Amino acid sequence: MTSRVMRAAAISSGCLAFLIALLCAVLTGSARAAGPNMGTEAQRESGKKLYLTYCSQCHGDAGDGEGYAASRLYPRPRNFTTGKFKVRTTPNGALPTHEDLVNIIKRGMPYTSMPAWPSLSDGQLSDLAYFITTFSPDFSDPEKAPKTVSLPGAPKSTKESIEQGKKLYAETGCDGCHGTLGRGDGPSAPTLVDDWGHPIRPADLTQRWTFRGGSSREDIFRTLSTGLNGTPMPSFLDALKDEERWAMTDFIDSLSESHDPGYTDLVVARHVLDPIDLTKGTAYFESARVARFPIIGQITEPVREFHPPTTSVTVQAIYDTESIALLVRWHDMSAQKTGKNGPSLPVPPEEEEGAPAPAAAGGAQAVTDPFAEEQPAPAAQASEFSDAVSIQVPSQVPTGARKPYFIFGDAQNSVDLWFFDLARPDPVQFTGRGSGNIAPNDTGDLTGVASYDQGEWSVIFKRPLRATSGAPFSPGQFMPIAFSVWDGLSRERGNRRGLTVWYSLYVEPETVPSAVGPMVKTALLILAIELAVIGWVRWRYGSRTRGEFGGKPTQPAATRA
């Protein structure tokens, strides 16, 4: 009896297990039969209309990244037919989720030609993402349905985690591309290419506002976990534990002072007591305020630069009793100290046409590159053109609101160009009356020094406050000022360069008058006036009252008869 019951129980357990397995198989089969979520036909059709209106100009009608604007853009528009997407929450090499596509369309990619689309509704963003999945057959393959990786919440950043991340940064070879200080100047940086053979620059980790996938700690952790498809950047998901990836995230986050570049429109020249000595380098500028200005491409005059490698410059200014000096700094992947450069060097028109760039020397490198960004090809001969920088000021102090044309002045309003070819020991001065009319005007007043250290150029210009030629600089005065940077590795010279628009230089007076003294003097003067008025009123109306009642001044008792 007992054995019979046991056999029945065993049979029941076996049947139950079989039914559970069968149910799982059915459910799995149903899930596979359903396939990935690619939206409805109506949603994809709606997305197609949006795509042809807003996206095809860059990404092409066929989604192959060959739109008519593609040759002008860096990084080049993504080829959707390959199924390779940089910013995702899925494993390295995997497709993005629908939410990943929606998020990147909505947020855009900073410092590229891919804008954010906050004007599109959630429904439109979703429809557009569904249509993009139609360009690659991988999205319809059930075996390739995307699954997200585990992205735990951010722990608190500490000094200990930052120090641990710094060690991991070196141990895992991040400095090979991004450099010791994270400025994107590692030894492998000039040789990197993406999966399509396009040269690709490692991002500057000290400027996280330029990160394509976002600048938050969560964004950085995600990139370290998933990698960037199509670039030399692998995933650290298996190589590092969660806490180790968070430690590296904290270190990368610590390399920037802010999520925002803090751009301004004013640089203040501060007075210093000691005579400015160029041999002491940047030490003089420690007390001067730092101003950061954005660099944009010169796209007005031919030959144009649509995406300059330099994205910003920082400027500090000081002056003594005789001279003014400006320190200009920017980050550069590789210093070009040979060759030549100049503000009027000719550039062949074909260099603007966006012909396919040759692959960088050395081929693709399997090295870590968490925030890679594509750029124009480096020169076949890296030393053909040197790096250079210039400061531009009006030749005469403007008397009104009108300034010279910001691209090297104009016929009526010339500019002085303080130009430093960084393959030469000294700067020289030019006078510009337009990009086609630039002439040397070197009076010997301009001096300077330049140095390059671990991915950063530091260039100091010095000129008398009242030079032989050019506008004077006076305390309490505002002066228009602009900057240009030429990257020799990217063959920039002449009109092909990055530049700023006009900003302002303010020469701060040696001693700023205190407002307390004038305020006290004014208050005392007003008080004296008030007391005088009160005294006069009392005397005047007191005499009138006595006269009306026939009274006479009372005599002291000692004088009475």
Protein backbone atom coordinates (compact mmCIF):
# COMPACT_ATOMS: atom_id res chain seq x y z
CA MET A 1 0.00 0.00 0.00
CA THR A 2 2.77 2.35 0.96
CA SER A 3 4.81 1.59 -2.15
CA ARG A 4 1.73 2.13 -4.32
CA VAL A 5 1.19 5.55 -2.78
CA MET A 6 4.85 6.42 -3.28
CA ARG A 7 4.69 5.40 -6.95
CA ALA A 8 1.57 7.51 -7.46
CA ALA A 9 3.26 10.49 -5.82
CA ALA A 10 6.33 10.04 -8.02
CA ILE A 11 4.18 9.85 -11.14
CA SER A 12 2.30 12.98 -10.08
CA SER A 13 5.58 14.84 -9.44
CA GLY A 14 6.91 13.75 -12.84
CA CYS A 15 3.77 14.87 -14.59
CA LEU A 16 3.90 18.19 -12.80
CA ALA A 17 7.52 18.72 -13.81
CA PHE A 18 6.69 17.78 -17.40
CA LEU A 19 3.79 20.21 -17.52
CA ILE A 20 5.95 23.02 -16.11
CA ALA A 21 8.68 22.34 -18.70
CA LEU A 22 6.07 22.18 -21.47
CA LEU A 23 4.55 25.48 -20.32
CA CYS A 24 7.99 27.17 -20.29
CA ALA A 25 8.67 25.87 -23.78
CA VAL A 26 5.35 27.15 -25.02
CA LEU A 27 5.91 30.54 -23.45
CA THR A 28 9.43 30.75 -24.88
CA GLY A 29 8.19 29.76 -28.29
CA SER A 30 5.43 32.34 -28.09
CA ALA A 31 7.91 35.01 -27.11
CA ARG A 32 10.18 34.10 -30.00
CA ALA A 33 7.27 33.96 -32.39
CA ALA A 34 6.23 37.44 -31.31
CA GLY A 35 9.69 38.78 -32.21
CA PRO A 36 11.25 42.10 -31.19
CA ASN A 37 9.15 45.15 -30.60
CA MET A 38 9.27 47.11 -33.86
CA GLY A 39 5.99 48.93 -33.46
CA THR A 40 2.96 48.83 -35.68
CA GLU A 41 2.88 49.57 -39.37
CA ALA A 42 1.12 52.85 -38.62
CA GLN A 43 3.83 53.85 -36.14
CA ARG A 44 6.61 53.03 -38.58
CA GLU A 45 4.88 54.97 -41.33
CA SER A 46 4.54 57.97 -39.03
CA GLY A 47 8.22 57.61 -38.13
CA LYS A 48 9.17 57.49 -41.80
CA LYS A 49 7.57 60.86 -42.45
CA LEU A 50 9.42 62.35 -39.50
CA TYR A 51 12.68 60.77 -40.62
CA LEU A 52 12.44 62.15 -44.15
CA THR A 53 11.66 65.58 -42.73
CA TYR A 54 14.30 65.83 -40.00
CA CYS A 55 16.91 63.07 -40.39
CA SER A 56 17.53 62.01 -43.98
CA GLN A 57 19.61 65.08 -44.83
CA CYS A 58 22.43 63.63 -42.72
CA HIS A 59 21.65 59.92 -42.36
CA GLY A 60 20.39 59.45 -45.94
CA ASP A 61 17.06 58.23 -47.27
CA ALA A 62 18.29 54.64 -46.96
CA GLY A 63 19.70 55.15 -43.44
CA ASP A 64 23.23 54.45 -44.67
CA GLY A 65 24.74 57.67 -43.27
CA GLU A 66 25.21 59.14 -46.75
CA GLY A 67 22.86 62.11 -46.69
CA TYR A 68 23.81 65.13 -48.79
CA ALA A 69 25.17 66.91 -45.69
CA ALA A 70 27.25 63.94 -44.51
CA SER A 71 30.52 65.05 -46.12
CA ARG A 72 30.44 68.25 -44.06
CA LEU A 73 29.91 66.55 -40.71
CA TYR A 74 32.27 65.18 -38.08
CA PRO A 75 31.62 62.76 -36.63
CA ARG A 76 29.96 61.35 -39.72
CA PRO A 77 26.27 60.43 -39.38
CA ARG A 78 25.69 56.91 -38.13
CA ASN A 79 25.02 54.18 -40.70
CA PHE A 80 21.84 52.61 -39.34
CA THR A 81 22.03 49.62 -41.70
CA THR A 82 24.91 48.14 -39.69
CA GLY A 83 22.95 47.97 -36.45
CA LYS A 84 25.90 49.51 -34.58
CA PHE A 85 24.85 52.19 -32.12
CA LYS A 86 27.18 53.91 -29.65
CA VAL A 87 24.94 54.86 -26.74
CA ARG A 88 23.01 51.93 -25.33
CA THR A 89 22.11 50.06 -22.15
CA THR A 90 22.82 46.70 -23.82
CA PRO A 91 26.02 44.61 -23.95
CA ASN A 92 28.91 45.47 -26.22
CA GLY A 93 28.06 44.57 -29.82
CA ALA A 94 24.32 44.26 -29.10
CA LEU A 95 21.45 46.25 -30.57
CA PRO A 96 19.98 49.13 -28.58
CA THR A 97 16.59 48.88 -26.95
CA HIS A 98 13.67 50.94 -28.15
CA GLU A 99 14.11 53.19 -25.11
CA ASP A 100 17.80 53.69 -25.96
CA LEU A 101 16.89 54.98 -29.42
CA VAL A 102 14.19 57.26 -28.03
CA ASN A 103 16.56 58.72 -25.44
CA ILE A 104 19.39 59.48 -27.85
CA ILE A 105 17.03 61.14 -30.33
CA LYS A 106 15.51 63.23 -27.57
CA ARG A 107 18.83 64.24 -25.95
CA GLY A 108 21.04 64.50 -29.01
CA MET A 109 24.82 64.13 -28.90
CA PRO A 110 26.76 67.14 -27.57
CA TYR A 111 29.42 68.72 -29.78
CA THR A 112 28.24 66.90 -32.90
CA SER A 113 25.77 67.79 -35.61
CA MET A 114 23.18 65.55 -33.95
CA PRO A 115 20.81 67.94 -32.16
CA ALA A 116 18.37 67.24 -29.39
CA TRP A 117 14.71 67.05 -30.40
CA PRO A 118 12.71 68.29 -27.40
CA SER A 119 10.09 69.67 -29.79
CA LEU A 120 8.96 66.16 -30.75
CA SER A 121 6.29 64.54 -28.61
CA ASP A 122 6.88 61.22 -26.88
CA GLY A 123 4.72 59.55 -29.49
CA GLN A 124 6.69 61.06 -32.36
CA LEU A 125 9.99 60.07 -30.78
CA SER A 126 8.74 56.52 -30.38
CA ASP A 127 7.50 56.35 -33.99
CA LEU A 128 10.83 57.67 -35.26
CA ALA A 129 12.74 55.06 -33.24
CA TYR A 130 10.52 52.30 -34.63
CA PHE A 131 11.22 53.41 -38.20
CA ILE A 132 14.99 53.50 -37.62
CA THR A 133 14.88 49.80 -36.71
CA THR A 134 13.66 49.00 -40.24
CA PHE A 135 17.08 49.88 -41.73
CA SER A 136 18.85 46.86 -40.21
CA PRO A 137 17.53 43.27 -40.51
CA ASP A 138 19.09 42.53 -37.13
CA PHE A 139 16.20 44.25 -35.38
CA SER A 140 13.73 41.71 -36.77
CA ASP A 141 15.85 38.73 -35.73
CA PRO A 142 14.39 37.20 -32.53
CA GLU A 143 17.81 35.81 -31.64
CA LYS A 144 19.21 39.35 -31.47
CA ALA A 145 16.48 40.91 -29.37
CA PRO A 146 18.30 43.35 -27.07
CA LYS A 147 18.58 42.76 -23.35
CA THR A 148 19.79 45.45 -20.97
CA VAL A 149 22.82 45.04 -18.71
CA SER A 150 22.62 45.57 -14.97
CA LEU A 151 23.21 49.23 -14.14
CA PRO A 152 23.04 49.59 -10.35
CA GLY A 153 22.36 52.91 -8.67
CA ALA A 154 25.23 55.29 -8.11
CA PRO A 155 27.01 55.02 -4.76
CA LYS A 156 28.47 58.11 -3.11
CA SER A 157 31.74 59.30 -4.61
CA THR A 158 34.59 59.42 -2.08
CA LYS A 159 38.29 60.30 -2.06
CA GLU A 160 39.02 56.59 -1.69
CA SER A 161 36.92 55.62 -4.71
CA ILE A 162 38.52 58.35 -6.82
CA GLU A 163 42.00 57.14 -5.87
CA GLN A 164 41.03 53.55 -6.65
CA GLY A 165 39.62 54.67 -10.00
CA LYS A 166 42.86 56.49 -10.80
CA LYS A 167 44.82 53.26 -10.33
CA LEU A 168 42.35 51.28 -12.45
CA TYR A 169 42.54 53.97 -15.14
CA ALA A 170 46.26 53.29 -15.52
CA GLU A 171 46.08 49.52 -15.01
CA THR A 172 43.46 49.01 -17.73
CA GLY A 173 45.33 51.16 -20.26
CA CYS A 174 42.96 54.12 -20.47
CA ASP A 175 45.94 56.47 -20.54
CA GLY A 176 47.07 54.87 -23.80
CA CYS A 177 44.36 56.83 -25.59
CA HIS A 178 43.19 59.50 -23.16
CA GLY A 179 46.57 60.41 -21.71
CA THR A 180 47.81 60.51 -18.13
CA LEU A 181 45.74 63.60 -17.30
CA GLY A 182 42.75 62.58 -19.43
CA ARG A 183 43.27 65.26 -22.10
CA GLY A 184 42.98 62.84 -25.02
CA ASP A 185 46.71 62.90 -25.81
CA GLY A 186 47.69 59.27 -25.24
CA PRO A 187 50.34 57.73 -27.52
CA SER A 188 47.71 55.69 -29.40
CA ALA A 189 45.36 58.65 -29.92
CA PRO A 190 46.59 59.73 -33.40
CA THR A 191 46.36 56.17 -34.76
CA LEU A 192 42.77 55.30 -33.81
CA VAL A 193 40.11 54.51 -36.41
CA ASP A 194 36.51 53.32 -36.14
CA ASP A 195 34.98 50.24 -37.74
CA TRP A 196 34.62 52.09 -41.04
CA GLY A 197 38.22 53.26 -41.18
CA HIS A 198 37.50 56.85 -40.19
CA PRO A 199 40.02 58.50 -37.86
CA ILE A 200 38.61 58.84 -34.37
CA ARG A 201 39.82 60.95 -31.47
CA PRO A 202 39.57 59.92 -27.83
CA ALA A 203 37.45 62.38 -25.91
CA ASP A 204 38.95 64.91 -23.55
CA LEU A 205 37.94 63.52 -20.16
CA THR A 206 38.62 66.86 -18.49
CA GLN A 207 35.72 68.40 -20.43
CA ARG A 208 32.85 66.07 -19.69
CA TRP A 209 30.29 68.48 -21.12
CA THR A 210 31.50 67.20 -24.51
CA PHE A 211 30.73 63.52 -23.77
CA ARG A 212 28.47 62.18 -26.50
CA GLY A 213 26.39 59.96 -24.25
CA GLY A 214 25.97 62.45 -21.43
CA SER A 215 28.08 63.87 -18.61
CA SER A 216 26.45 62.46 -15.47
CA ARG A 217 28.09 59.75 -13.37
CA GLU A 218 25.35 57.38 -14.47
CA ASP A 219 26.13 58.14 -18.13
CA ILE A 220 29.84 57.50 -17.61
CA PHE A 221 29.18 54.24 -15.75
CA ARG A 222 26.88 53.07 -18.53
CA THR A 223 29.55 53.74 -21.16
CA LEU A 224 32.18 51.87 -19.17
CA SER A 225 29.74 48.97 -18.84
CA THR A 226 28.49 48.74 -22.43
CA GLY A 227 31.31 50.14 -24.54
CA LEU A 228 30.77 52.15 -27.69
CA ASN A 229 29.83 50.00 -30.68
CA GLY A 230 31.80 50.77 -33.83
CA THR A 231 34.74 52.32 -31.95
CA PRO A 232 37.91 50.91 -30.32
CA MET A 233 36.17 51.19 -26.94
CA PRO A 234 35.34 47.80 -25.40
CA SER A 235 33.04 47.03 -22.53
CA PHE A 236 34.42 46.66 -18.99
CA LEU A 237 31.36 44.72 -17.89
CA ASP A 238 33.27 41.45 -17.50
CA ALA A 239 36.72 42.89 -16.82
CA LEU A 240 35.75 45.02 -13.81
CA LYS A 241 33.31 44.54 -10.96
CA ASP A 242 30.48 47.00 -10.42
CA GLU A 243 32.32 48.77 -7.61
CA GLU A 244 35.46 49.02 -9.75
CA ARG A 245 33.57 50.57 -12.64
CA TRP A 246 32.01 53.04 -10.22
CA ALA A 247 35.48 53.87 -8.89
CA MET A 248 36.73 54.56 -12.42
CA THR A 249 33.57 56.60 -13.02
CA ASP A 250 34.36 58.70 -9.95
CA PHE A 251 37.91 59.31 -11.16
CA ILE A 252 36.76 60.39 -14.62
CA ASP A 253 34.10 62.58 -13.06
CA SER A 254 36.75 64.23 -10.87
CA LEU A 255 38.80 65.33 -13.89
CA SER A 256 36.27 68.06 -14.71
CA GLU A 257 35.33 70.86 -12.36
CA SER A 258 31.79 71.07 -13.69
CA HIS A 259 29.21 69.51 -15.98
CA ASP A 260 29.02 72.90 -17.69
CA PRO A 261 31.86 74.68 -19.53
CA GLY A 262 31.03 78.01 -17.90
CA TYR A 263 31.48 80.04 -21.06
CA THR A 264 31.71 83.79 -20.59
CA ASP A 265 31.94 86.89 -22.76
CA LEU A 266 34.55 88.83 -20.77
CA VAL A 267 38.19 88.43 -19.80
CA VAL A 268 39.48 90.79 -17.10
CA ALA A 269 43.10 92.03 -17.17
CA ARG A 270 44.35 92.29 -13.59
CA HIS A 271 47.08 94.69 -12.48
CA VAL A 272 50.32 93.20 -11.11
CA LEU A 273 52.99 95.12 -9.20
CA ASP A 274 56.08 93.37 -10.55
CA PRO A 275 57.18 93.89 -14.17
CA ILE A 276 55.95 91.05 -16.37
CA ASP A 277 58.82 88.64 -17.06
CA LEU A 278 58.10 86.07 -19.76
CA THR A 279 60.83 83.78 -18.47
CA LYS A 280 58.63 83.05 -15.44
CA GLY A 281 55.95 81.59 -17.67
CA THR A 282 52.43 81.10 -16.37
CA ALA A 283 53.22 81.82 -12.71
CA TYR A 284 52.25 85.47 -13.10
CA PHE A 285 48.70 84.53 -14.06
CA GLU A 286 47.76 82.56 -10.94
CA SER A 287 45.77 85.46 -9.50
CA ALA A 288 44.04 86.33 -12.78
CA ARG A 289 40.48 85.26 -13.49
CA VAL A 290 40.04 82.43 -16.01
CA ALA A 291 37.65 83.02 -18.91
CA ARG A 292 36.58 80.19 -21.23
CA PHE A 293 35.40 80.96 -24.76
CA PRO A 294 33.85 78.46 -27.21
CA ILE A 295 35.64 77.78 -30.49
CA ILE A 296 33.45 77.44 -33.58
CA GLY A 297 34.30 76.48 -37.14
CA GLN A 298 35.02 79.18 -39.71
CA ILE A 299 32.22 78.39 -42.18
CA THR A 300 31.67 81.82 -43.74
CA GLU A 301 34.71 82.34 -45.93
CA PRO A 302 36.16 79.67 -48.22
CA VAL A 303 37.88 77.32 -47.48
CA ARG A 304 35.74 76.37 -44.46
CA GLU A 305 36.28 74.29 -41.35
CA PHE A 306 33.02 72.67 -40.31
CA HIS A 307 34.23 70.88 -37.20
CA PRO A 308 37.49 72.15 -35.65
CA PRO A 309 39.21 69.76 -33.24
CA THR A 310 39.61 72.53 -30.65
CA THR A 311 36.31 73.24 -28.88
CA SER A 312 37.33 76.00 -26.46
CA VAL A 313 40.17 78.18 -25.17
CA THR A 314 40.80 79.56 -21.70
CA VAL A 315 42.25 83.06 -21.37
CA GLN A 316 43.82 85.02 -18.52
CA ALA A 317 45.15 88.59 -18.68
CA ILE A 318 47.44 90.78 -16.56
CA TYR A 319 49.18 94.14 -16.96
CA ASP A 320 51.85 96.20 -15.26
CA THR A 321 52.75 99.87 -15.66
CA GLU A 322 54.07 99.35 -19.19
CA SER A 323 52.74 96.12 -20.75
CA ILE A 324 49.76 93.83 -21.04
CA ALA A 325 50.02 90.04 -21.32
CA LEU A 326 47.50 87.34 -22.18
CA LEU A 327 47.77 83.61 -21.53
CA VAL A 328 45.83 81.42 -23.98
CA ARG A 329 45.44 77.70 -23.30
CA TRP A 330 43.75 74.83 -25.14
CA HIS A 331 43.99 71.05 -25.30
CA ASP A 332 45.55 69.38 -28.32
CA MET A 333 45.92 65.66 -28.99
CA SER A 334 49.35 66.08 -30.56
CA ALA A 335 51.67 69.11 -30.73
CA GLN A 336 52.82 70.01 -34.22
CA LYS A 337 56.03 72.00 -33.74
CA THR A 338 57.42 71.68 -37.26
CA GLY A 339 56.20 72.85 -40.65
CA LYS A 340 54.59 76.24 -41.11
CA ASN A 341 51.35 78.13 -40.67
CA GLY A 342 49.91 81.56 -41.32
CA PRO A 343 46.61 83.47 -41.37
CA SER A 344 46.75 83.87 -45.15
CA LEU A 345 48.12 80.48 -46.26
CA PRO A 346 46.06 79.21 -49.21
CA VAL A 347 43.94 76.07 -48.88
CA PRO A 348 42.93 74.08 -51.98
CA PRO A 349 39.14 74.08 -52.43
CA GLU A 350 39.06 70.27 -52.62
CA GLU A 351 40.01 70.08 -48.94
CA GLU A 352 36.59 71.48 -48.13
CA GLU A 353 34.67 69.00 -50.23
CA GLY A 354 34.72 66.27 -47.62
CA ALA A 355 36.40 63.55 -49.66
CA PRO A 356 36.79 60.25 -47.79
CA ALA A 357 39.69 60.59 -45.41
CA PRO A 358 42.54 58.10 -45.46
CA ALA A 359 42.83 55.76 -42.52
CA ALA A 360 45.09 56.84 -39.73
CA ALA A 361 48.50 55.25 -39.57
CA GLY A 362 48.66 52.03 -37.63
CA GLY A 363 45.06 50.89 -38.19
CA ALA A 364 42.44 50.26 -35.55
CA GLN A 365 43.66 49.80 -32.03
CA ALA A 366 42.03 47.49 -29.53
CA VAL A 367 42.47 49.93 -26.66
CA THR A 368 40.11 51.50 -24.22
CA ASP A 369 38.40 54.64 -25.50
CA PRO A 370 35.28 55.31 -23.40
CA PHE A 371 34.22 58.55 -25.04
CA ALA A 372 35.58 58.38 -28.56
CA GLU A 373 34.60 61.02 -31.06
CA GLU A 374 35.26 61.07 -34.78
CA GLN A 375 37.24 63.89 -36.34
CA PRO A 376 38.80 64.90 -39.66
CA ALA A 377 41.74 62.86 -40.83
CA PRO A 378 45.22 63.78 -39.69
CA ALA A 379 47.64 64.92 -42.35
CA ALA A 380 49.56 62.31 -44.29
CA GLN A 381 52.65 64.29 -43.31
CA ALA A 382 51.98 65.42 -39.76
CA SER A 383 54.74 68.04 -39.85
CA GLU A 384 53.57 69.82 -43.01
CA PHE A 385 51.56 72.35 -41.01
CA SER A 386 52.29 73.53 -37.49
CA ASP A 387 49.89 74.44 -34.71
CA ALA A 388 49.16 78.15 -34.37
CA VAL A 389 47.07 80.66 -32.41
CA SER A 390 46.18 84.31 -32.79
CA ILE A 391 44.64 87.14 -30.79
CA GLN A 392 42.61 89.71 -32.72
CA VAL A 393 41.92 93.28 -31.55
CA PRO A 394 40.77 96.38 -33.46
CA SER A 395 43.60 98.52 -34.85
CA GLN A 396 41.87 101.52 -33.28
CA VAL A 397 39.72 101.77 -30.19
CA PRO A 398 36.09 101.66 -31.39
CA THR A 399 34.23 104.90 -30.71
CA GLY A 400 30.79 103.36 -30.86
CA ALA A 401 29.05 100.01 -30.89
CA ARG A 402 30.38 99.03 -34.32
CA LYS A 403 33.29 96.59 -34.42
CA PRO A 404 35.39 95.38 -37.34
CA TYR A 405 34.20 92.25 -39.14
CA PHE A 406 35.15 89.37 -36.86
CA ILE A 407 36.85 87.38 -39.65
CA PHE A 408 40.09 89.37 -39.95
CA GLY A 409 38.43 92.80 -40.13
CA ASP A 410 37.14 94.74 -43.15
CA ALA A 411 38.24 97.53 -45.48
CA GLN A 412 36.89 100.31 -43.26
CA ASN A 413 37.83 98.80 -39.90
CA SER A 414 41.11 96.93 -39.74
CA VAL A 415 42.27 94.56 -37.00
CA ASP A 416 45.64 93.70 -35.49
CA LEU A 417 46.45 89.98 -35.48
CA TRP A 418 48.91 88.79 -32.87
CA PHE A 419 49.90 85.57 -34.61
CA PHE A 420 52.02 82.80 -33.11
CA ASP A 421 53.22 80.02 -35.42
CA LEU A 422 54.13 77.44 -32.78
CA ALA A 423 56.95 76.10 -34.93
CA ARG A 424 58.62 79.52 -34.50
CA PRO A 425 60.13 81.04 -31.34
CA ASP A 426 58.29 84.39 -31.46
CA PRO A 427 54.90 85.80 -32.43
CA VAL A 428 54.44 88.33 -35.22
CA GLN A 429 51.80 90.94 -35.96
CA PHE A 430 49.61 91.32 -39.03
CA THR A 431 47.05 93.89 -40.05
CA GLY A 432 43.82 92.46 -41.43
CA ARG A 433 41.33 94.21 -43.66
CA GLY A 434 39.42 91.05 -44.51
CA SER A 435 40.50 87.46 -45.05
CA GLY A 436 41.81 88.35 -48.50
CA ASN A 437 43.81 91.35 -47.32
CA ILE A 438 46.25 90.42 -44.55
CA ALA A 439 49.63 92.16 -44.44
CA PRO A 440 52.62 91.87 -42.08
CA ASN A 441 52.90 94.76 -39.62
CA ASP A 442 55.62 93.62 -37.26
CA THR A 443 56.98 96.60 -35.34
CA GLY A 444 58.84 94.45 -32.82
CA ASP A 445 56.48 95.38 -29.99
CA LEU A 446 54.98 91.89 -29.71
CA THR A 447 56.78 89.18 -27.74
CA GLY A 448 55.71 85.83 -26.38
CA VAL A 449 56.53 82.32 -25.23
CA ALA A 450 54.81 78.97 -25.82
CA SER A 451 54.94 75.52 -24.24
CA TYR A 452 53.18 72.18 -24.67
CA ASP A 453 52.75 69.76 -21.78
CA GLN A 454 50.67 66.58 -21.62
CA GLY A 455 48.04 67.60 -24.14
CA GLU A 456 47.85 71.33 -23.37
CA TRP A 457 49.27 74.36 -25.18
CA SER A 458 50.07 77.42 -23.05
CA VAL A 459 50.87 80.53 -25.10
CA ILE A 460 51.66 83.97 -23.66
CA PHE A 461 51.47 87.18 -25.70
CA LYS A 462 52.98 90.41 -24.35
CA ARG A 463 52.63 93.89 -25.84
CA PRO A 464 53.17 97.47 -24.55
CA LEU A 465 50.02 99.17 -23.30
CA ARG A 466 50.80 101.89 -25.81
CA ALA A 467 52.55 100.24 -28.71
CA THR A 468 54.13 101.78 -31.79
CA SER A 469 51.23 100.49 -33.84
CA GLY A 470 47.79 99.48 -32.66
CA ALA A 471 45.15 100.53 -30.19
CA PRO A 472 46.27 101.48 -26.66
CA PHE A 473 45.07 99.62 -23.59
CA SER A 474 43.97 101.86 -20.72
CA PRO A 475 42.69 101.02 -17.22
CA GLY A 476 38.92 101.13 -17.02
CA GLN A 477 38.62 100.45 -20.76
CA PHE A 478 36.80 97.69 -22.64
CA MET A 479 38.42 96.36 -25.79
CA PRO A 480 36.90 93.90 -28.31
CA ILE A 481 38.95 90.71 -28.55
CA ALA A 482 38.73 87.44 -30.51
CA PHE A 483 40.82 84.29 -30.90
CA SER A 484 41.71 81.74 -33.59
CA VAL A 485 43.33 78.31 -33.27
CA TRP A 486 44.91 76.25 -36.07
CA ASP A 487 45.42 72.48 -35.59
CA GLY A 488 48.34 71.41 -37.77
CA LEU A 489 47.55 67.70 -37.51
CA SER A 490 44.15 68.42 -39.12
CA ARG A 491 45.84 70.52 -41.83
CA GLU A 492 44.27 73.75 -40.61
CA ARG A 493 45.81 76.96 -41.95
CA GLY A 494 44.63 80.22 -43.42
CA ASN A 495 40.85 80.47 -43.40
CA ARG A 496 40.46 76.83 -42.39
CA ARG A 497 40.50 77.11 -38.62
CA GLY A 498 38.49 77.36 -35.41
CA LEU A 499 37.68 80.83 -34.11
CA THR A 500 35.61 82.83 -31.66
CA VAL A 501 33.29 85.73 -32.24
CA TRP A 502 34.06 89.10 -30.65
CA TYR A 503 34.23 89.12 -26.87
CA SER A 504 35.51 91.82 -24.48
CA LEU A 505 38.74 92.49 -22.59
CA TYR A 506 38.39 94.78 -19.58
CA VAL A 507 41.49 96.43 -18.15
CA GLU A 508 40.69 96.53 -14.46
CA PRO A 509 41.96 99.71 -12.70
CA GLU A 510 44.94 99.25 -10.41
CA THR A 511 42.91 100.19 -7.32
CA VAL A 512 39.18 99.96 -7.40
CA PRO A 513 37.74 103.03 -5.60
CA SER A 514 35.79 102.13 -2.49
CA ALA A 515 32.18 103.20 -2.42
CA VAL A 516 32.28 103.73 1.38
CA GLY A 517 34.20 107.04 1.31
CA PRO A 518 31.95 108.83 -1.19
CA MET A 519 28.88 107.50 0.63
CA VAL A 520 30.09 108.88 3.98
CA LYS A 521 30.97 112.27 2.44
CA THR A 522 27.59 112.49 0.76
CA ALA A 523 25.77 111.57 3.99
CA LEU A 524 27.68 114.22 5.99
CA LEU A 525 26.98 116.86 3.36
CA ILE A 526 23.26 116.06 3.39
CA LEU A 527 23.23 116.15 7.20
CA ALA A 528 24.94 119.56 7.24
CA ILE A 529 22.44 120.94 4.74
CA GLU A 530 19.53 119.59 6.79
CA LEU A 531 20.86 121.15 10.01
CA ALA A 532 21.40 124.48 8.27
CA VAL A 533 17.84 124.46 6.90
CA ILE A 534 16.40 123.57 10.31
CA GLY A 535 18.40 126.35 11.99
CA TRP A 536 17.33 128.91 9.43
CA VAL A 537 13.67 127.89 9.74
CA ARG A 538 13.73 128.15 13.52
CA TRP A 539 15.39 131.57 13.43
CA ARG A 540 13.09 132.90 10.74
CA TYR A 541 9.80 131.72 12.19
CA GLY A 542 10.84 132.46 15.75
CA SER A 543 11.43 136.16 14.91
CA ARG A 544 8.12 136.41 13.05
CA THR A 545 6.17 135.06 16.05
CA ARG A 546 7.64 137.58 18.48
CA GLY A 547 6.92 140.48 16.06
CA GLU A 548 3.28 139.58 15.63
CA PHE A 549 2.55 139.71 19.40
CA GLY A 550 4.53 142.91 20.04
CA GLY A 551 6.95 141.15 22.20
CA LYS A 552 10.52 142.18 22.72
CA PRO A 553 13.44 140.09 23.58
CA THR A 554 13.57 139.42 27.27
CA GLN A 555 16.46 141.24 29.00
CA PRO A 556 18.52 139.57 31.63
CA ALA A 557 17.62 140.60 35.19
CA ALA A 558 20.98 142.25 35.79
CA THR A 559 20.39 144.88 33.04
CA ARG A 560 16.93 145.96 34.04
CA ALA A 561 16.35 149.55 35.38
